[in-house]
Amino acid sequence: MTERRQEDRAPETGPPDGLVEVLARWERSGGHWTVLTTTEAWIEIGLFTCDGAEQMGQVSGARTSVLSSFLADRLSSTD
């Protein structure tokens, strides 16, 4: 297995693929996400079933410029 260089890694901390990829993949599979808590530097997001009734997981990480662009002031995937 090849070790990735630091500069090749996703800018987010938390999930290995980065929060944007996790959220995009969750949406593509039919799930919904909702911002649970946020500060200027950190964000926690709940991952919900396709009907939004049950939280299946949670991810958190730094509020990077990439993540901020993806969110575009949305608080959920249904906004």
Protein backbone atom coordinates (compact mmCIF):
# COMPACT_ATOMS: atom_id res chain seq x y z
CA MET A 1 0.00 0.00 0.00
CA THR A 2 1.35 3.42 -0.95
CA GLU A 3 1.48 6.11 1.71
CA ARG A 4 -0.10 9.37 0.55
CA ARG A 5 1.91 12.52 1.04
CA GLN A 6 0.54 15.11 3.48
CA GLU A 7 -0.24 17.59 0.69
CA ASP A 8 -2.27 14.92 -1.17
CA ARG A 9 -4.63 14.29 1.73
CA ALA A 10 -8.13 15.72 2.02
CA PRO A 11 -8.21 19.10 3.78
CA GLU A 12 -10.83 17.96 6.31
CA THR A 13 -10.04 16.11 9.48
CA GLY A 14 -12.31 13.28 10.51
CA PRO A 15 -13.46 10.75 7.91
CA PRO A 16 -10.60 9.56 5.67
CA ASP A 17 -12.37 10.61 2.46
CA GLY A 18 -13.20 14.07 3.80
CA LEU A 19 -16.57 15.37 4.89
CA VAL A 20 -17.59 16.61 1.45
CA GLU A 21 -17.13 13.17 -0.10
CA VAL A 22 -18.97 11.49 2.79
CA LEU A 23 -21.93 13.88 2.49
CA ALA A 24 -22.07 13.67 -1.31
CA ARG A 25 -21.96 9.87 -1.20
CA TRP A 26 -24.69 9.82 1.49
CA GLU A 27 -26.93 12.02 -0.67
CA ARG A 28 -26.30 9.90 -3.78
CA SER A 29 -27.41 6.82 -1.85
CA GLY A 30 -30.69 8.53 -0.92
CA GLY A 31 -29.88 9.55 2.64
CA HIS A 32 -30.23 12.97 4.21
CA TRP A 33 -27.78 14.91 6.36
CA THR A 34 -28.40 17.69 8.88
CA VAL A 35 -26.00 20.04 10.66
CA LEU A 36 -26.28 19.24 14.37
CA THR A 37 -23.82 21.76 15.82
CA THR A 38 -21.43 24.23 14.33
CA THR A 39 -18.86 26.77 15.38
CA GLU A 40 -16.62 28.99 13.32
CA ALA A 41 -13.98 26.24 13.20
CA TRP A 42 -15.84 22.92 13.67
CA ILE A 43 -19.01 21.19 12.46
CA GLU A 44 -20.97 18.08 13.44
CA ILE A 45 -23.37 16.55 10.93
CA GLY A 46 -25.96 13.82 11.45
CA LEU A 47 -26.52 11.20 8.74
CA PHE A 48 -30.19 10.21 8.45
CA THR A 49 -32.22 7.58 6.62
CA CYS A 50 -33.89 8.42 3.31
CA ASP A 51 -37.12 9.40 5.09
CA GLY A 52 -35.20 11.43 7.69
CA ALA A 53 -36.75 9.46 10.56
CA GLU A 54 -33.65 7.84 12.03
CA GLN A 55 -30.10 9.07 12.57
CA MET A 56 -27.74 6.37 11.31
CA GLY A 57 -24.44 8.06 12.07
CA GLN A 58 -22.59 11.27 12.68
CA VAL A 59 -19.47 12.88 11.21
CA SER A 60 -17.53 15.90 12.35
CA GLY A 61 -14.54 17.89 11.29
CA ALA A 62 -12.98 21.24 10.63
CA ARG A 63 -14.95 23.84 8.71
CA THR A 64 -12.70 24.10 5.67
CA SER A 65 -13.26 26.35 2.68
CA VAL A 66 -14.09 23.25 0.60
CA LEU A 67 -16.76 22.19 3.09
CA SER A 68 -18.17 25.72 3.37
CA SER A 69 -18.49 25.90 -0.43
CA PHE A 70 -20.27 22.54 -0.50
CA LEU A 71 -22.69 23.53 2.27
CA ALA A 72 -23.39 26.95 0.71
CA ASP A 73 -25.17 28.08 3.92
CA ARG A 74 -27.42 24.98 3.92
CA LEU A 75 -28.19 23.35 7.26
CA SER A 76 -29.43 20.12 5.67
CA SER A 77 -29.42 18.24 2.39
CA THR A 78 -33.09 19.15 1.95
CA ASP A 79 -32.46 22.92 1.99
